[in-house]
Structures are given as structure tokens and as C-alpha cells.
Amino acid sequence: DDMEEDIRNDSFNPLLKIKENDESEDYRQKVARIMLQMI
């Protein structure tokens, strides 16, 4: 939920570490959605 705000504020968000594998924001959202569905 806070991902975009953390990007703007340059705050730490563990989901943003996913960009090391893929620069696409859609990819980060996809990973987060899969994690949430699995849990």
C-alpha cells in the first residue's frame, strides 16, 4: 500500500528491493500480489 509513497520519500520498503531483478513497477506489484495470495 505504501510503495509509491516510499518511492517519493526515498524511504525503505522491502518490496522495492525486487527492482534489482526487474525495473518494472508492474513486476513488483505482481510479486506482492502473489505473496499476499499465497499467505
ModelCIF file with pLDDT and N, C-alpha, C, O atoms, coordinates in Angstrom:
data_MODEL
#
_entry.id   MODEL 
#
_entity.id                         1 
_entity.type                       polymer 
_entity.pdbx_number_of_molecules   1 
#
_entity_poly.entity_id                      1 
_entity_poly.type                           'polypeptide(L)' 
_entity_poly.nstd_linkage                   no 
_entity_poly.nstd_monomer                   no 
_entity_poly.pdbx_seq_one_letter_code       DDMEEDIRNDSFNPLLKIKENDESEDYRQKVARIMLQMI 
_entity_poly.pdbx_seq_one_letter_code_can   DDMEEDIRNDSFNPLLKIKENDESEDYRQKVARIMLQMI 
_entity_poly.pdbx_strand_id                 A 
#
loop_
_entity_poly_seq.entity_id 
_entity_poly_seq.num 
_entity_poly_seq.mon_id 
_entity_poly_seq.hetero 
1 1  ASP n 
1 2  ASP n 
1 3  MET n 
1 4  GLU n 
1 5  GLU n 
1 6  ASP n 
1 7  ILE n 
1 8  ARG n 
1 9  ASN n 
1 10 ASP n 
1 11 SER n 
1 12 PHE n 
1 13 ASN n 
1 14 PRO n 
1 15 LEU n 
1 16 LEU n 
1 17 LYS n 
1 18 ILE n 
1 19 LYS n 
1 20 GLU n 
1 21 ASN n 
1 22 ASP n 
1 23 GLU n 
1 24 SER n 
1 25 GLU n 
1 26 ASP n 
1 27 TYR n 
1 28 ARG n 
1 29 GLN n 
1 30 LYS n 
1 31 VAL n 
1 32 ALA n 
1 33 ARG n 
1 34 ILE n 
1 35 MET n 
1 36 LEU n 
1 37 GLN n 
1 38 MET n 
1 39 ILE n 
#
_struct_asym.id          A 
_struct_asym.entity_id   1 
#
loop_
_ma_qa_metric.id 
_ma_qa_metric.mode 
_ma_qa_metric.name 
_ma_qa_metric.software_group_id 
_ma_qa_metric.type 
1 global pLDDT . pLDDT 
2 local  pLDDT . pLDDT 
#
_ma_qa_metric_global.metric_id      1 
_ma_qa_metric_global.metric_value   79.79 
_ma_qa_metric_global.model_id       1 
_ma_qa_metric_global.ordinal_id     1 
#
loop_
_ma_qa_metric_local.label_asym_id 
_ma_qa_metric_local.label_comp_id 
_ma_qa_metric_local.label_seq_id 
_ma_qa_metric_local.metric_id 
_ma_qa_metric_local.metric_value 
_ma_qa_metric_local.model_id 
_ma_qa_metric_local.ordinal_id 
A ASP 1  2 89.00 1 1  
A ASP 2  2 88.00 1 2  
A MET 3  2 85.00 1 3  
A GLU 4  2 84.00 1 4  
A GLU 5  2 84.00 1 5  
A ASP 6  2 83.00 1 6  
A ILE 7  2 83.00 1 7  
A ARG 8  2 83.00 1 8  
A ASN 9  2 82.00 1 9  
A ASP 10 2 82.00 1 10 
A SER 11 2 82.00 1 11 
A PHE 12 2 85.00 1 12 
A ASN 13 2 85.00 1 13 
A PRO 14 2 87.00 1 14 
A LEU 15 2 86.00 1 15 
A LEU 16 2 84.00 1 16 
A LYS 17 2 78.00 1 17 
A ILE 18 2 75.00 1 18 
A LYS 19 2 63.00 1 19 
A GLU 20 2 52.00 1 20 
A ASN 21 2 53.00 1 21 
A ASP 22 2 53.00 1 22 
A GLU 23 2 53.00 1 23 
A SER 24 2 55.00 1 24 
A GLU 25 2 59.00 1 25 
A ASP 26 2 75.00 1 26 
A TYR 27 2 80.00 1 27 
A ARG 28 2 81.00 1 28 
A GLN 29 2 83.00 1 29 
A LYS 30 2 85.00 1 30 
A VAL 31 2 87.00 1 31 
A ALA 32 2 87.00 1 32 
A ARG 33 2 88.00 1 33 
A ILE 34 2 91.00 1 34 
A MET 35 2 91.00 1 35 
A LEU 36 2 92.00 1 36 
A GLN 37 2 92.00 1 37 
A MET 38 2 93.00 1 38 
A ILE 39 2 94.00 1 39 
#
loop_
_atom_site.group_PDB 
_atom_site.id 
_atom_site.type_symbol 
_atom_site.label_atom_id 
_atom_site.label_alt_id 
_atom_site.label_comp_id 
_atom_site.label_asym_id 
_atom_site.label_entity_id 
_atom_site.label_seq_id 
_atom_site.pdbx_PDB_ins_code 
_atom_site.Cartn_x 
_atom_site.Cartn_y 
_atom_site.Cartn_z 
_atom_site.occupancy 
_atom_site.B_iso_or_equiv 
_atom_site.pdbx_formal_charge 
_atom_site.auth_seq_id 
_atom_site.auth_comp_id 
_atom_site.auth_asym_id 
_atom_site.auth_atom_id 
_atom_site.pdbx_PDB_model_num 
ATOM 1   N N  . ASP A 1 1  ? 0.828  -1.209  0.000   1.00 89.00 ? 1  ASP A N  1 
ATOM 2   C CA . ASP A 1 1  ? 0.000  0.000   0.000   1.00 89.00 ? 1  ASP A CA 1 
ATOM 3   C C  . ASP A 1 1  ? 0.866  1.265   0.000   1.00 89.00 ? 1  ASP A C  1 
ATOM 4   O O  . ASP A 1 1  ? 0.517  2.262   -0.632  1.00 89.00 ? 1  ASP A O  1 
ATOM 5   N N  . ASP A 1 2  ? 2.001  1.217   0.716   1.00 88.00 ? 2  ASP A N  1 
ATOM 6   C CA . ASP A 1 2  ? 2.861  2.396   0.879   1.00 88.00 ? 2  ASP A CA 1 
ATOM 7   C C  . ASP A 1 2  ? 3.955  2.510   -0.186  1.00 88.00 ? 2  ASP A C  1 
ATOM 8   O O  . ASP A 1 2  ? 4.779  3.422   -0.119  1.00 88.00 ? 2  ASP A O  1 
ATOM 9   N N  . MET A 1 3  ? 3.978  1.616   -1.149  1.00 85.00 ? 3  MET A N  1 
ATOM 10  C CA . MET A 1 3  ? 5.108  1.527   -2.072  1.00 85.00 ? 3  MET A CA 1 
ATOM 11  C C  . MET A 1 3  ? 5.373  2.846   -2.821  1.00 85.00 ? 3  MET A C  1 
ATOM 12  O O  . MET A 1 3  ? 6.512  3.310   -2.857  1.00 85.00 ? 3  MET A O  1 
ATOM 13  N N  . GLU A 1 4  ? 4.350  3.443   -3.408  1.00 84.00 ? 4  GLU A N  1 
ATOM 14  C CA . GLU A 1 4  ? 4.538  4.676   -4.176  1.00 84.00 ? 4  GLU A CA 1 
ATOM 15  C C  . GLU A 1 4  ? 4.983  5.826   -3.278  1.00 84.00 ? 4  GLU A C  1 
ATOM 16  O O  . GLU A 1 4  ? 5.852  6.614   -3.650  1.00 84.00 ? 4  GLU A O  1 
ATOM 17  N N  . GLU A 1 5  ? 4.378  5.917   -2.086  1.00 84.00 ? 5  GLU A N  1 
ATOM 18  C CA . GLU A 1 5  ? 4.750  6.979   -1.141  1.00 84.00 ? 5  GLU A CA 1 
ATOM 19  C C  . GLU A 1 5  ? 6.197  6.819   -0.685  1.00 84.00 ? 5  GLU A C  1 
ATOM 20  O O  . GLU A 1 5  ? 6.913  7.809   -0.535  1.00 84.00 ? 5  GLU A O  1 
ATOM 21  N N  . ASP A 1 6  ? 6.630  5.583   -0.464  1.00 83.00 ? 6  ASP A N  1 
ATOM 22  C CA . ASP A 1 6  ? 8.011  5.328   -0.050  1.00 83.00 ? 6  ASP A CA 1 
ATOM 23  C C  . ASP A 1 6  ? 8.999  5.661   -1.162  1.00 83.00 ? 6  ASP A C  1 
ATOM 24  O O  . ASP A 1 6  ? 10.123 6.084   -0.892  1.00 83.00 ? 6  ASP A O  1 
ATOM 25  N N  . ILE A 1 7  ? 8.580  5.468   -2.413  1.00 83.00 ? 7  ILE A N  1 
ATOM 26  C CA . ILE A 1 7  ? 9.436  5.843   -3.550  1.00 83.00 ? 7  ILE A CA 1 
ATOM 27  C C  . ILE A 1 7  ? 9.627  7.353   -3.568  1.00 83.00 ? 7  ILE A C  1 
ATOM 28  O O  . ILE A 1 7  ? 10.740 7.847   -3.751  1.00 83.00 ? 7  ILE A O  1 
ATOM 29  N N  . ARG A 1 8  ? 8.512  8.092   -3.375  1.00 83.00 ? 8  ARG A N  1 
ATOM 30  C CA . ARG A 1 8  ? 8.579  9.558   -3.387  1.00 83.00 ? 8  ARG A CA 1 
ATOM 31  C C  . ARG A 1 8  ? 9.426  10.087  -2.235  1.00 83.00 ? 8  ARG A C  1 
ATOM 32  O O  . ARG A 1 8  ? 10.186 11.041  -2.407  1.00 83.00 ? 8  ARG A O  1 
ATOM 33  N N  . ASN A 1 9  ? 9.297  9.469   -1.062  1.00 82.00 ? 9  ASN A N  1 
ATOM 34  C CA . ASN A 1 9  ? 10.008 9.944   0.130   1.00 82.00 ? 9  ASN A CA 1 
ATOM 35  C C  . ASN A 1 9  ? 11.385 9.323   0.300   1.00 82.00 ? 9  ASN A C  1 
ATOM 36  O O  . ASN A 1 9  ? 12.101 9.632   1.252   1.00 82.00 ? 9  ASN A O  1 
ATOM 37  N N  . ASP A 1 10 ? 11.750 8.448   -0.627  1.00 82.00 ? 10 ASP A N  1 
ATOM 38  C CA . ASP A 1 10 ? 13.032 7.741   -0.554  1.00 82.00 ? 10 ASP A CA 1 
ATOM 39  C C  . ASP A 1 10 ? 13.154 6.983   0.768   1.00 82.00 ? 10 ASP A C  1 
ATOM 40  O O  . ASP A 1 10 ? 14.210 6.976   1.400   1.00 82.00 ? 10 ASP A O  1 
ATOM 41  N N  . SER A 1 11 ? 12.053 6.346   1.174   1.00 82.00 ? 11 SER A N  1 
ATOM 42  C CA . SER A 1 11 ? 12.023 5.562   2.411   1.00 82.00 ? 11 SER A CA 1 
ATOM 43  C C  . SER A 1 11 ? 12.214 4.083   2.085   1.00 82.00 ? 11 SER A C  1 
ATOM 44  O O  . SER A 1 11 ? 11.957 3.634   0.968   1.00 82.00 ? 11 SER A O  1 
ATOM 45  N N  . PHE A 1 12 ? 12.673 3.340   3.091   1.00 85.00 ? 12 PHE A N  1 
ATOM 46  C CA . PHE A 1 12 ? 12.899 1.911   2.862   1.00 85.00 ? 12 PHE A CA 1 
ATOM 47  C C  . PHE A 1 12 ? 11.582 1.170   2.747   1.00 85.00 ? 12 PHE A C  1 
ATOM 48  O O  . PHE A 1 12 ? 10.672 1.367   3.551   1.00 85.00 ? 12 PHE A O  1 
ATOM 49  N N  . ASN A 1 13 ? 11.490 0.324   1.748   1.00 85.00 ? 13 ASN A N  1 
ATOM 50  C CA . ASN A 1 13 ? 10.362 -0.573  1.563   1.00 85.00 ? 13 ASN A CA 1 
ATOM 51  C C  . ASN A 1 13 ? 10.921 -1.857  0.967   1.00 85.00 ? 13 ASN A C  1 
ATOM 52  O O  . ASN A 1 13 ? 11.484 -1.825  -0.127  1.00 85.00 ? 13 ASN A O  1 
ATOM 53  N N  . PRO A 1 14 ? 10.780 -2.995  1.661   1.00 87.00 ? 14 PRO A N  1 
ATOM 54  C CA . PRO A 1 14 ? 11.405 -4.229  1.176   1.00 87.00 ? 14 PRO A CA 1 
ATOM 55  C C  . PRO A 1 14 ? 10.942 -4.659  -0.207  1.00 87.00 ? 14 PRO A C  1 
ATOM 56  O O  . PRO A 1 14 ? 11.667 -5.363  -0.910  1.00 87.00 ? 14 PRO A O  1 
ATOM 57  N N  . LEU A 1 15 ? 9.726  -4.238  -0.613  1.00 86.00 ? 15 LEU A N  1 
ATOM 58  C CA . LEU A 1 15 ? 9.242  -4.589  -1.941  1.00 86.00 ? 15 LEU A CA 1 
ATOM 59  C C  . LEU A 1 15 ? 10.054 -3.911  -3.038  1.00 86.00 ? 15 LEU A C  1 
ATOM 60  O O  . LEU A 1 15 ? 10.120 -4.406  -4.163  1.00 86.00 ? 15 LEU A O  1 
ATOM 61  N N  . LEU A 1 16 ? 10.674 -2.776  -2.712  1.00 84.00 ? 16 LEU A N  1 
ATOM 62  C CA . LEU A 1 16 ? 11.462 -2.044  -3.706  1.00 84.00 ? 16 LEU A CA 1 
ATOM 63  C C  . LEU A 1 16 ? 12.775 -2.753  -4.020  1.00 84.00 ? 16 LEU A C  1 
ATOM 64  O O  . LEU A 1 16 ? 13.416 -2.455  -5.027  1.00 84.00 ? 16 LEU A O  1 
ATOM 65  N N  . LYS A 1 17 ? 13.175 -3.686  -3.164  1.00 78.00 ? 17 LYS A N  1 
ATOM 66  C CA . LYS A 1 17 ? 14.389 -4.450  -3.443  1.00 78.00 ? 17 LYS A CA 1 
ATOM 67  C C  . LYS A 1 17 ? 14.201 -5.383  -4.638  1.00 78.00 ? 17 LYS A C  1 
ATOM 68  O O  . LYS A 1 17 ? 15.173 -5.863  -5.221  1.00 78.00 ? 17 LYS A O  1 
ATOM 69  N N  . ILE A 1 18 ? 12.952 -5.633  -4.993  1.00 75.00 ? 18 ILE A N  1 
ATOM 70  C CA . ILE A 1 18 ? 12.663 -6.503  -6.132  1.00 75.00 ? 18 ILE A CA 1 
ATOM 71  C C  . ILE A 1 18 ? 13.155 -5.886  -7.427  1.00 75.00 ? 18 ILE A C  1 
ATOM 72  O O  . ILE A 1 18 ? 13.374 -6.602  -8.404  1.00 75.00 ? 18 ILE A O  1 
ATOM 73  N N  . LYS A 1 19 ? 13.338 -4.546  -7.456  1.00 63.00 ? 19 LYS A N  1 
ATOM 74  C CA . LYS A 1 19 ? 13.790 -3.879  -8.678  1.00 63.00 ? 19 LYS A CA 1 
ATOM 75  C C  . LYS A 1 19 ? 15.196 -4.313  -9.085  1.00 63.00 ? 19 LYS A C  1 
ATOM 76  O O  . LYS A 1 19 ? 15.623 -4.063  -10.212 1.00 63.00 ? 19 LYS A O  1 
ATOM 77  N N  . GLU A 1 20 ? 15.924 -4.971  -8.157  1.00 52.00 ? 20 GLU A N  1 
ATOM 78  C CA . GLU A 1 20 ? 17.246 -5.478  -8.512  1.00 52.00 ? 20 GLU A CA 1 
ATOM 79  C C  . GLU A 1 20 ? 17.128 -6.551  -9.588  1.00 52.00 ? 20 GLU A C  1 
ATOM 80  O O  . GLU A 1 20 ? 18.052 -6.756  -10.375 1.00 52.00 ? 20 GLU A O  1 
ATOM 81  N N  . ASN A 1 21 ? 15.981 -7.234  -9.615  1.00 53.00 ? 21 ASN A N  1 
ATOM 82  C CA . ASN A 1 21 ? 15.759 -8.276  -10.616 1.00 53.00 ? 21 ASN A CA 1 
ATOM 83  C C  . ASN A 1 21 ? 15.003 -7.765  -11.834 1.00 53.00 ? 21 ASN A C  1 
ATOM 84  O O  . ASN A 1 21 ? 15.168 -8.273  -12.943 1.00 53.00 ? 21 ASN A O  1 
ATOM 85  N N  . ASP A 1 22 ? 14.174 -6.757  -11.613 1.00 53.00 ? 22 ASP A N  1 
ATOM 86  C CA . ASP A 1 22 ? 13.366 -6.229  -12.705 1.00 53.00 ? 22 ASP A CA 1 
ATOM 87  C C  . ASP A 1 22 ? 13.010 -4.786  -12.366 1.00 53.00 ? 22 ASP A C  1 
ATOM 88  O O  . ASP A 1 22 ? 12.539 -4.517  -11.260 1.00 53.00 ? 22 ASP A O  1 
ATOM 89  N N  . GLU A 1 23 ? 13.222 -3.862  -13.283 1.00 53.00 ? 23 GLU A N  1 
ATOM 90  C CA . GLU A 1 23 ? 12.981 -2.443  -13.018 1.00 53.00 ? 23 GLU A CA 1 
ATOM 91  C C  . GLU A 1 23 ? 11.499 -2.077  -13.096 1.00 53.00 ? 23 GLU A C  1 
ATOM 92  O O  . GLU A 1 23 ? 11.120 -0.969  -12.717 1.00 53.00 ? 23 GLU A O  1 
ATOM 93  N N  . SER A 1 24 ? 10.658 -2.988  -13.580 1.00 55.00 ? 24 SER A N  1 
ATOM 94  C CA . SER A 1 24 ? 9.252  -2.682  -13.800 1.00 55.00 ? 24 SER A CA 1 
ATOM 95  C C  . SER A 1 24 ? 8.476  -2.634  -12.489 1.00 55.00 ? 24 SER A C  1 
ATOM 96  O O  . SER A 1 24 ? 8.572  -3.539  -11.659 1.00 55.00 ? 24 SER A O  1 
ATOM 97  N N  . GLU A 1 25 ? 7.710  -1.565  -12.319 1.00 59.00 ? 25 GLU A N  1 
ATOM 98  C CA . GLU A 1 25 ? 6.862  -1.442  -11.134 1.00 59.00 ? 25 GLU A CA 1 
ATOM 99  C C  . GLU A 1 25 ? 5.752  -2.485  -11.170 1.00 59.00 ? 25 GLU A C  1 
ATOM 100 O O  . GLU A 1 25 ? 5.328  -2.980  -10.126 1.00 59.00 ? 25 GLU A O  1 
ATOM 101 N N  . ASP A 1 26 ? 5.273  -2.826  -12.389 1.00 75.00 ? 26 ASP A N  1 
ATOM 102 C CA . ASP A 1 26 ? 4.246  -3.847  -12.525 1.00 75.00 ? 26 ASP A CA 1 
ATOM 103 C C  . ASP A 1 26 ? 4.755  -5.199  -12.014 1.00 75.00 ? 26 ASP A C  1 
ATOM 104 O O  . ASP A 1 26 ? 3.989  -5.982  -11.452 1.00 75.00 ? 26 ASP A O  1 
ATOM 105 N N  . TYR A 1 27 ? 6.031  -5.463  -12.208 1.00 80.00 ? 27 TYR A N  1 
ATOM 106 C CA . TYR A 1 27 ? 6.608  -6.723  -11.744 1.00 80.00 ? 27 TYR A CA 1 
ATOM 107 C C  . TYR A 1 27 ? 6.603  -6.776  -10.219 1.00 80.00 ? 27 TYR A C  1 
ATOM 108 O O  . TYR A 1 27 ? 6.292  -7.813  -9.633  1.00 80.00 ? 27 TYR A O  1 
ATOM 109 N N  . ARG A 1 28 ? 6.946  -5.660  -9.577  1.00 81.00 ? 28 ARG A N  1 
ATOM 110 C CA . ARG A 1 28 ? 6.929  -5.611  -8.112  1.00 81.00 ? 28 ARG A CA 1 
ATOM 111 C C  . ARG A 1 28 ? 5.513  -5.838  -7.582  1.00 81.00 ? 28 ARG A C  1 
ATOM 112 O O  . ARG A 1 28 ? 5.319  -6.552  -6.598  1.00 81.00 ? 28 ARG A O  1 
ATOM 113 N N  . GLN A 1 29 ? 4.526  -5.224  -8.244  1.00 83.00 ? 29 GLN A N  1 
ATOM 114 C CA . GLN A 1 29 ? 3.140  -5.409  -7.842  1.00 83.00 ? 29 GLN A CA 1 
ATOM 115 C C  . GLN A 1 29 ? 2.705  -6.860  -8.008  1.00 83.00 ? 29 GLN A C  1 
ATOM 116 O O  . GLN A 1 29 ? 1.981  -7.406  -7.175  1.00 83.00 ? 29 GLN A O  1 
ATOM 117 N N  . LYS A 1 30 ? 3.153  -7.467  -9.087  1.00 85.00 ? 30 LYS A N  1 
ATOM 118 C CA . LYS A 1 30 ? 2.804  -8.859  -9.352  1.00 85.00 ? 30 LYS A CA 1 
ATOM 119 C C  . LYS A 1 30 ? 3.363  -9.773  -8.264  1.00 85.00 ? 30 LYS A C  1 
ATOM 120 O O  . LYS A 1 30 ? 2.670  -10.670 -7.782  1.00 85.00 ? 30 LYS A O  1 
ATOM 121 N N  . VAL A 1 31 ? 4.622  -9.541  -7.881  1.00 87.00 ? 31 VAL A N  1 
ATOM 122 C CA . VAL A 1 31 ? 5.257  -10.349 -6.834  1.00 87.00 ? 31 VAL A CA 1 
ATOM 123 C C  . VAL A 1 31 ? 4.515  -10.172 -5.508  1.00 87.00 ? 31 VAL A C  1 
ATOM 124 O O  . VAL A 1 31 ? 4.257  -11.148 -4.805  1.00 87.00 ? 31 VAL A O  1 
ATOM 125 N N  . ALA A 1 32 ? 4.171  -8.918  -5.166  1.00 87.00 ? 32 ALA A N  1 
ATOM 126 C CA . ALA A 1 32 ? 3.459  -8.635  -3.920  1.00 87.00 ? 32 ALA A CA 1 
ATOM 127 C C  . ALA A 1 32 ? 2.096  -9.327  -3.908  1.00 87.00 ? 32 ALA A C  1 
ATOM 128 O O  . ALA A 1 32 ? 1.693  -9.895  -2.893  1.00 87.00 ? 32 ALA A O  1 
ATOM 129 N N  . ARG A 1 33 ? 1.391  -9.278  -5.036  1.00 88.00 ? 33 ARG A N  1 
ATOM 130 C CA . ARG A 1 33 ? 0.070  -9.910  -5.123  1.00 88.00 ? 33 ARG A CA 1 
ATOM 131 C C  . ARG A 1 33 ? 0.170  -11.422 -4.954  1.00 88.00 ? 33 ARG A C  1 
ATOM 132 O O  . ARG A 1 33 ? -0.663 -12.034 -4.286  1.00 88.00 ? 33 ARG A O  1 
ATOM 133 N N  . ILE A 1 34 ? 1.185  -12.019 -5.557  1.00 91.00 ? 34 ILE A N  1 
ATOM 134 C CA . ILE A 1 34 ? 1.380  -13.467 -5.431  1.00 91.00 ? 34 ILE A CA 1 
ATOM 135 C C  . ILE A 1 34 ? 1.671  -13.838 -3.976  1.00 91.00 ? 34 ILE A C  1 
ATOM 136 O O  . ILE A 1 34 ? 1.132  -14.816 -3.458  1.00 91.00 ? 34 ILE A O  1 
ATOM 137 N N  . MET A 1 35 ? 2.524  -13.050 -3.324  1.00 91.00 ? 35 MET A N  1 
ATOM 138 C CA . MET A 1 35 ? 2.846  -13.305 -1.915  1.00 91.00 ? 35 MET A CA 1 
ATOM 139 C C  . MET A 1 35 ? 1.594  -13.217 -1.046  1.00 91.00 ? 35 MET A C  1 
ATOM 140 O O  . MET A 1 35 ? 1.358  -14.075 -0.196  1.00 91.00 ? 35 MET A O  1 
ATOM 141 N N  . LEU A 1 36 ? 0.799  -12.179 -1.266  1.00 92.00 ? 36 LEU A N  1 
ATOM 142 C CA . LEU A 1 36 ? -0.414 -11.981 -0.475  1.00 92.00 ? 36 LEU A CA 1 
ATOM 143 C C  . LEU A 1 36 ? -1.415 -13.113 -0.703  1.00 92.00 ? 36 LEU A C  1 
ATOM 144 O O  . LEU A 1 36 ? -2.058 -13.580 0.238   1.00 92.00 ? 36 LEU A O  1 
ATOM 145 N N  . GLN A 1 37 ? -1.544 -13.550 -1.956  1.00 92.00 ? 37 GLN A N  1 
ATOM 146 C CA . GLN A 1 37 ? -2.468 -14.638 -2.266  1.00 92.00 ? 37 GLN A CA 1 
ATOM 147 C C  . GLN A 1 37 ? -2.011 -15.939 -1.616  1.00 92.00 ? 37 GLN A C  1 
ATOM 148 O O  . GLN A 1 37 ? -2.828 -16.696 -1.091  1.00 92.00 ? 37 GLN A O  1 
ATOM 149 N N  . MET A 1 38 ? -0.704 -16.197 -1.652  1.00 93.00 ? 38 MET A N  1 
ATOM 150 C CA . MET A 1 38 ? -0.176 -17.438 -1.068  1.00 93.00 ? 38 MET A CA 1 
ATOM 151 C C  . MET A 1 38 ? -0.370 -17.466 0.442   1.00 93.00 ? 38 MET A C  1 
ATOM 152 O O  . MET A 1 38 ? -0.758 -18.489 1.006   1.00 93.00 ? 38 MET A O  1 
ATOM 153 N N  . ILE A 1 39 ? -0.095 -16.322 1.103   1.00 94.00 ? 39 ILE A N  1 
ATOM 154 C CA . ILE A 1 39 ? -0.279 -16.250 2.562   1.00 94.00 ? 39 ILE A CA 1 
ATOM 155 C C  . ILE A 1 39 ? -1.754 -16.401 2.910   1.00 94.00 ? 39 ILE A C  1 
ATOM 156 O O  . ILE A 1 39 ? -2.118 -16.369 4.086   1.00 94.00 ? 39 ILE A O  1 
#
